[in-house]
Amino acid sequence: MMPAAEKVLPASSETARAFGAEISLVEGQALFYVVARTGTPDTAVRSAGGEIVTRLHSAPHALAFAPLSAHLQLRNHPDLALAGPVTIDPKRFERFTTLIGMKERQETKTSTQQRQESP
């Protein structure tokens, strides 16, 4: 399941509507495919306000969740060879987040934040 800020927008073209397509957006957040020039992309992603959600292939390749506004910062980061947004089918993404434990981490993070904010 996507974070609570998800918005589902009506399909934006006749083709999309014909297939019943929906566009899912997490307000202000995006999934990025990042590749480090050397080592791992962790520091570069964190410097842009994001977090690595899983590694792909090997240490330099990863998926990261970061603010959408961080796209240019990631793309131009000297430690990254590649950084670009990724779109994933929402149902497949939900299965993916369950598989890697991201869903549970997000729920734990949210409940911890709520406990810290309450008197």
N, C-alpha and C. Protein backbone atom coordinates (compact mmCIF):
# COMPACT_ATOMS: atom_id res chain seq x y z
N MET A 1 0.84 -1.18 0.00
CA MET A 1 0.00 0.00 0.00
C MET A 1 0.88 1.23 0.00
N MET A 2 0.49 2.23 -0.79
CA MET A 2 1.24 3.47 -0.87
C MET A 2 0.99 4.29 0.39
N PRO A 3 1.87 5.22 0.74
CA PRO A 3 1.65 6.08 1.90
C PRO A 3 0.31 6.80 1.82
N ALA A 4 -0.16 7.30 2.94
CA ALA A 4 -1.48 7.88 3.07
C ALA A 4 -1.73 9.06 2.15
N ALA A 5 -0.70 9.75 1.70
CA ALA A 5 -0.88 10.94 0.87
C ALA A 5 -1.19 10.62 -0.58
N GLU A 6 -1.39 9.34 -0.92
CA GLU A 6 -1.62 8.95 -2.31
C GLU A 6 -2.87 9.60 -2.86
N LYS A 7 -2.79 10.05 -4.11
CA LYS A 7 -3.94 10.59 -4.81
C LYS A 7 -4.08 9.80 -6.10
N VAL A 8 -5.29 9.38 -6.41
CA VAL A 8 -5.54 8.71 -7.67
C VAL A 8 -6.28 9.69 -8.56
N LEU A 9 -5.67 10.01 -9.69
CA LEU A 9 -6.23 10.98 -10.61
C LEU A 9 -6.93 10.28 -11.75
N PRO A 10 -7.93 10.91 -12.36
CA PRO A 10 -8.59 10.30 -13.51
C PRO A 10 -7.59 10.15 -14.66
N ALA A 11 -7.82 9.15 -15.50
CA ALA A 11 -6.94 8.91 -16.64
C ALA A 11 -6.89 10.15 -17.52
N SER A 12 -5.72 10.43 -18.10
CA SER A 12 -5.53 11.68 -18.81
C SER A 12 -5.58 11.57 -20.33
N SER A 13 -5.87 10.39 -20.87
CA SER A 13 -5.98 10.26 -22.32
C SER A 13 -7.07 9.25 -22.65
N GLU A 14 -7.55 9.29 -23.91
CA GLU A 14 -8.58 8.34 -24.32
C GLU A 14 -8.08 6.91 -24.18
N THR A 15 -6.84 6.67 -24.55
CA THR A 15 -6.28 5.32 -24.45
C THR A 15 -6.25 4.85 -23.01
N ALA A 16 -5.79 5.71 -22.11
CA ALA A 16 -5.74 5.35 -20.69
C ALA A 16 -7.13 5.06 -20.16
N ARG A 17 -8.10 5.91 -20.52
CA ARG A 17 -9.48 5.69 -20.07
C ARG A 17 -10.04 4.39 -20.63
N ALA A 18 -9.73 4.06 -21.89
CA ALA A 18 -10.22 2.83 -22.52
C ALA A 18 -9.74 1.59 -21.78
N PHE A 19 -8.54 1.67 -21.21
CA PHE A 19 -7.99 0.54 -20.47
C PHE A 19 -8.25 0.64 -18.97
N GLY A 20 -8.98 1.68 -18.55
CA GLY A 20 -9.27 1.85 -17.13
C GLY A 20 -8.06 2.24 -16.32
N ALA A 21 -7.10 2.91 -16.94
CA ALA A 21 -5.86 3.28 -16.25
C ALA A 21 -6.10 4.38 -15.24
N GLU A 22 -5.36 4.33 -14.16
CA GLU A 22 -5.37 5.37 -13.15
C GLU A 22 -3.93 5.83 -12.96
N ILE A 23 -3.77 7.05 -12.55
CA ILE A 23 -2.44 7.56 -12.25
C ILE A 23 -2.35 7.74 -10.75
N SER A 24 -1.41 7.04 -10.12
CA SER A 24 -1.25 7.15 -8.68
C SER A 24 -0.06 8.05 -8.37
N LEU A 25 -0.30 9.03 -7.54
CA LEU A 25 0.76 9.94 -7.14
C LEU A 25 0.84 9.98 -5.63
N VAL A 26 2.04 9.92 -5.12
CA VAL A 26 2.24 10.17 -3.71
C VAL A 26 2.67 11.61 -3.65
N GLU A 27 1.83 12.44 -3.08
CA GLU A 27 2.05 13.87 -3.11
C GLU A 27 3.44 14.22 -2.60
N GLY A 28 4.24 14.78 -3.50
CA GLY A 28 5.55 15.25 -3.11
C GLY A 28 6.63 14.19 -3.02
N GLN A 29 6.31 12.92 -3.24
CA GLN A 29 7.29 11.84 -3.11
C GLN A 29 7.40 11.08 -4.43
N ALA A 30 8.54 10.46 -4.66
CA ALA A 30 8.75 9.67 -5.87
C ALA A 30 9.72 8.54 -5.60
N LEU A 31 9.62 7.53 -6.42
CA LEU A 31 10.55 6.41 -6.38
C LEU A 31 11.58 6.66 -7.47
N PHE A 32 12.86 6.54 -7.13
CA PHE A 32 13.94 6.79 -8.07
C PHE A 32 14.83 5.55 -8.21
N TYR A 33 15.29 5.32 -9.43
CA TYR A 33 16.33 4.33 -9.69
C TYR A 33 17.63 5.11 -9.66
N VAL A 34 18.56 4.72 -8.79
CA VAL A 34 19.83 5.43 -8.66
C VAL A 34 20.99 4.47 -8.80
N VAL A 35 22.06 4.96 -9.43
CA VAL A 35 23.28 4.17 -9.61
C VAL A 35 24.46 5.03 -9.19
N ALA A 36 25.22 4.54 -8.23
CA ALA A 36 26.40 5.27 -7.75
C ALA A 36 27.56 5.09 -8.72
N ARG A 37 28.42 6.08 -8.81
CA ARG A 37 29.63 5.96 -9.64
C ARG A 37 30.58 4.93 -9.02
N THR A 38 30.71 5.00 -7.69
CA THR A 38 31.50 4.02 -6.95
C THR A 38 30.80 3.78 -5.62
N GLY A 39 31.00 2.64 -5.04
CA GLY A 39 30.39 2.35 -3.73
C GLY A 39 28.88 2.25 -3.82
N THR A 40 28.20 2.87 -2.84
CA THR A 40 26.74 2.83 -2.79
C THR A 40 26.18 4.25 -2.94
N PRO A 41 24.91 4.37 -3.32
CA PRO A 41 24.31 5.69 -3.48
C PRO A 41 23.71 6.26 -2.19
N ASP A 42 23.90 5.58 -1.07
CA ASP A 42 23.24 5.95 0.18
C ASP A 42 23.43 7.41 0.59
N THR A 43 24.66 7.87 0.63
CA THR A 43 24.95 9.23 1.09
C THR A 43 24.31 10.26 0.16
N ALA A 44 24.40 10.05 -1.14
CA ALA A 44 23.81 10.99 -2.10
C ALA A 44 22.29 11.05 -1.93
N VAL A 45 21.67 9.90 -1.75
CA VAL A 45 20.22 9.85 -1.59
C VAL A 45 19.79 10.53 -0.29
N ARG A 46 20.51 10.24 0.81
CA ARG A 46 20.18 10.89 2.09
C ARG A 46 20.37 12.39 2.02
N SER A 47 21.39 12.85 1.28
CA SER A 47 21.63 14.30 1.18
C SER A 47 20.48 15.01 0.46
N ALA A 48 19.72 14.26 -0.32
CA ALA A 48 18.57 14.83 -1.03
C ALA A 48 17.27 14.61 -0.26
N GLY A 49 17.37 14.10 0.96
CA GLY A 49 16.19 13.89 1.78
C GLY A 49 15.48 12.57 1.53
N GLY A 50 16.17 11.64 0.89
CA GLY A 50 15.55 10.36 0.57
C GLY A 50 16.12 9.20 1.37
N GLU A 51 15.61 8.01 1.06
CA GLU A 51 16.13 6.80 1.69
C GLU A 51 16.13 5.66 0.68
N ILE A 52 17.13 4.80 0.80
CA ILE A 52 17.23 3.62 -0.05
C ILE A 52 16.16 2.64 0.42
N VAL A 53 15.37 2.12 -0.53
CA VAL A 53 14.36 1.13 -0.14
C VAL A 53 14.78 -0.28 -0.47
N THR A 54 15.63 -0.45 -1.48
CA THR A 54 16.17 -1.77 -1.79
C THR A 54 17.34 -1.64 -2.76
N ARG A 55 18.21 -2.62 -2.72
CA ARG A 55 19.35 -2.70 -3.65
C ARG A 55 18.95 -3.58 -4.83
N LEU A 56 19.46 -3.22 -5.99
CA LEU A 56 19.19 -3.99 -7.21
C LEU A 56 20.52 -4.43 -7.81
N HIS A 57 20.62 -5.63 -8.20
CA HIS A 57 21.79 -6.18 -8.87
C HIS A 57 23.03 -6.22 -7.98
N SER A 58 23.50 -5.04 -7.61
CA SER A 58 24.71 -4.95 -6.79
C SER A 58 24.69 -3.62 -6.03
N ALA A 59 25.69 -3.38 -5.22
CA ALA A 59 25.73 -2.19 -4.35
C ALA A 59 25.47 -0.86 -5.05
N PRO A 60 25.99 -0.61 -6.26
CA PRO A 60 25.76 0.72 -6.82
C PRO A 60 24.32 0.97 -7.29
N HIS A 61 23.53 -0.09 -7.51
CA HIS A 61 22.17 0.03 -8.05
C HIS A 61 21.14 -0.06 -6.92
N ALA A 62 20.19 0.90 -6.88
CA ALA A 62 19.19 0.86 -5.82
C ALA A 62 17.93 1.59 -6.24
N LEU A 63 16.85 1.31 -5.51
CA LEU A 63 15.63 2.10 -5.60
C LEU A 63 15.59 2.96 -4.34
N ALA A 64 15.24 4.21 -4.52
CA ALA A 64 15.19 5.15 -3.40
C ALA A 64 13.86 5.89 -3.43
N PHE A 65 13.33 6.18 -2.25
CA PHE A 65 12.13 6.98 -2.10
C PHE A 65 12.60 8.35 -1.62
N ALA A 66 12.25 9.40 -2.37
CA ALA A 66 12.73 10.75 -2.05
C ALA A 66 11.69 11.78 -2.47
N PRO A 67 11.82 12.99 -1.97
CA PRO A 67 10.92 14.05 -2.42
C PRO A 67 11.05 14.23 -3.93
N LEU A 68 9.93 14.44 -4.59
CA LEU A 68 9.94 14.65 -6.03
C LEU A 68 10.83 15.84 -6.39
N SER A 69 10.85 16.82 -5.52
CA SER A 69 11.67 18.02 -5.76
C SER A 69 13.17 17.71 -5.76
N ALA A 70 13.56 16.53 -5.29
CA ALA A 70 14.98 16.15 -5.24
C ALA A 70 15.49 15.60 -6.57
N HIS A 71 14.62 15.49 -7.57
CA HIS A 71 15.01 14.89 -8.84
C HIS A 71 16.26 15.53 -9.44
N LEU A 72 16.26 16.85 -9.58
CA LEU A 72 17.43 17.52 -10.18
C LEU A 72 18.66 17.38 -9.30
N GLN A 73 18.48 17.46 -7.99
CA GLN A 73 19.62 17.30 -7.07
C GLN A 73 20.24 15.91 -7.22
N LEU A 74 19.39 14.89 -7.31
CA LEU A 74 19.91 13.53 -7.49
C LEU A 74 20.56 13.38 -8.86
N ARG A 75 19.88 13.85 -9.89
CA ARG A 75 20.40 13.71 -11.26
C ARG A 75 21.74 14.40 -11.43
N ASN A 76 21.95 15.50 -10.72
CA ASN A 76 23.19 16.26 -10.86
C ASN A 76 24.22 15.96 -9.77
N HIS A 77 23.91 15.02 -8.90
CA HIS A 77 24.85 14.71 -7.81
C HIS A 77 26.12 14.07 -8.37
N PRO A 78 27.28 14.57 -7.98
CA PRO A 78 28.54 14.05 -8.54
C PRO A 78 28.82 12.58 -8.21
N ASP A 79 28.23 12.06 -7.15
CA ASP A 79 28.47 10.66 -6.77
C ASP A 79 27.53 9.68 -7.48
N LEU A 80 26.56 10.21 -8.25
CA LEU A 80 25.61 9.34 -8.94
C LEU A 80 25.84 9.36 -10.44
N ALA A 81 25.90 8.16 -11.01
CA ALA A 81 26.05 8.04 -12.47
C ALA A 81 24.68 8.17 -13.14
N LEU A 82 23.62 7.82 -12.40
CA LEU A 82 22.27 7.85 -12.96
C LEU A 82 21.27 8.02 -11.84
N ALA A 83 20.24 8.82 -12.07
CA ALA A 83 19.13 8.98 -11.13
C ALA A 83 17.92 9.42 -11.91
N GLY A 84 16.87 8.62 -11.84
CA GLY A 84 15.65 8.98 -12.54
C GLY A 84 14.43 8.39 -11.88
N PRO A 85 13.27 9.03 -12.08
CA PRO A 85 12.04 8.53 -11.46
C PRO A 85 11.60 7.22 -12.09
N VAL A 86 10.92 6.42 -11.29
CA VAL A 86 10.44 5.11 -11.71
C VAL A 86 8.94 5.07 -11.48
N THR A 87 8.20 4.49 -12.42
CA THR A 87 6.78 4.26 -12.19
C THR A 87 6.55 2.76 -12.13
N ILE A 88 5.71 2.37 -11.19
CA ILE A 88 5.42 0.96 -10.97
C ILE A 88 3.91 0.80 -10.82
N ASP A 89 3.37 -0.26 -11.37
CA ASP A 89 1.97 -0.58 -11.18
C ASP A 89 1.67 -0.65 -9.68
N PRO A 90 0.63 0.05 -9.18
CA PRO A 90 0.37 0.11 -7.74
C PRO A 90 0.21 -1.26 -7.06
N LYS A 91 -0.44 -2.20 -7.71
CA LYS A 91 -0.61 -3.53 -7.10
C LYS A 91 0.72 -4.26 -7.02
N ARG A 92 1.50 -4.17 -8.07
CA ARG A 92 2.83 -4.80 -8.05
C ARG A 92 3.72 -4.11 -7.03
N PHE A 93 3.61 -2.77 -6.93
CA PHE A 93 4.41 -2.04 -5.96
C PHE A 93 4.05 -2.46 -4.54
N GLU A 94 2.77 -2.66 -4.27
CA GLU A 94 2.36 -3.10 -2.94
C GLU A 94 2.97 -4.47 -2.62
N ARG A 95 2.94 -5.39 -3.57
CA ARG A 95 3.57 -6.70 -3.35
C ARG A 95 5.07 -6.54 -3.13
N PHE A 96 5.69 -5.66 -3.90
CA PHE A 96 7.12 -5.39 -3.78
C PHE A 96 7.46 -4.83 -2.40
N THR A 97 6.69 -3.83 -1.93
CA THR A 97 6.98 -3.23 -0.63
C THR A 97 6.79 -4.23 0.50
N THR A 98 5.83 -5.13 0.34
CA THR A 98 5.64 -6.19 1.34
C THR A 98 6.84 -7.14 1.32
N LEU A 99 7.28 -7.51 0.12
CA LEU A 99 8.41 -8.42 -0.03
C LEU A 99 9.68 -7.89 0.61
N ILE A 100 9.97 -6.60 0.44
CA ILE A 100 11.21 -6.04 0.99
C ILE A 100 11.05 -5.49 2.41
N GLY A 101 9.82 -5.52 2.94
CA GLY A 101 9.59 -5.05 4.30
C GLY A 101 9.42 -3.54 4.41
N MET A 102 9.30 -2.84 3.28
CA MET A 102 9.16 -1.38 3.31
C MET A 102 7.85 -0.96 3.94
N LYS A 103 6.79 -1.71 3.66
CA LYS A 103 5.48 -1.38 4.20
C LYS A 103 5.51 -1.39 5.73
N GLU A 104 6.13 -2.42 6.30
CA GLU A 104 6.22 -2.53 7.75
C GLU A 104 7.09 -1.43 8.34
N ARG A 105 8.20 -1.10 7.65
CA ARG A 105 9.08 -0.02 8.13
C ARG A 105 8.33 1.31 8.14
N GLN A 106 7.54 1.57 7.08
CA GLN A 106 6.80 2.83 6.99
C GLN A 106 5.75 2.90 8.10
N GLU A 107 5.04 1.77 8.36
CA GLU A 107 4.03 1.75 9.41
C GLU A 107 4.67 1.97 10.78
N THR A 108 5.83 1.36 11.00
CA THR A 108 6.55 1.54 12.27
C THR A 108 7.01 2.99 12.42
N LYS A 109 7.54 3.56 11.34
CA LYS A 109 8.01 4.95 11.35
C LYS A 109 6.85 5.90 11.66
N THR A 110 5.69 5.66 11.03
CA THR A 110 4.52 6.50 11.23
C THR A 110 4.02 6.40 12.66
N SER A 111 3.93 5.19 13.21
CA SER A 111 3.44 5.04 14.59
C SER A 111 4.42 5.63 15.59
N THR A 112 5.72 5.54 15.33
CA THR A 112 6.72 6.14 16.21
C THR A 112 6.59 7.67 16.19
N GLN A 113 6.41 8.24 15.00
CA GLN A 113 6.23 9.69 14.89
C GLN A 113 4.98 10.14 15.62
N GLN A 114 3.90 9.38 15.49
CA GLN A 114 2.66 9.74 16.16
C GLN A 114 2.82 9.70 17.68
N ARG A 115 3.53 8.71 18.19
CA ARG A 115 3.77 8.61 19.64
C ARG A 115 4.61 9.79 20.12
N GLN A 116 5.60 10.20 19.34
CA GLN A 116 6.47 11.31 19.73
C GLN A 116 5.72 12.63 19.70
N GLU A 117 4.72 12.76 18.82
CA GLU A 117 3.98 14.01 18.71
C GLU A 117 2.88 14.14 19.76
N SER A 118 2.40 13.02 20.29
CA SER A 118 1.31 13.10 21.27
C SER A 118 1.86 13.41 22.67
N PRO A 119 1.05 14.18 23.45
CA PRO A 119 1.53 14.63 24.77
C PRO A 119 1.65 13.51 25.77
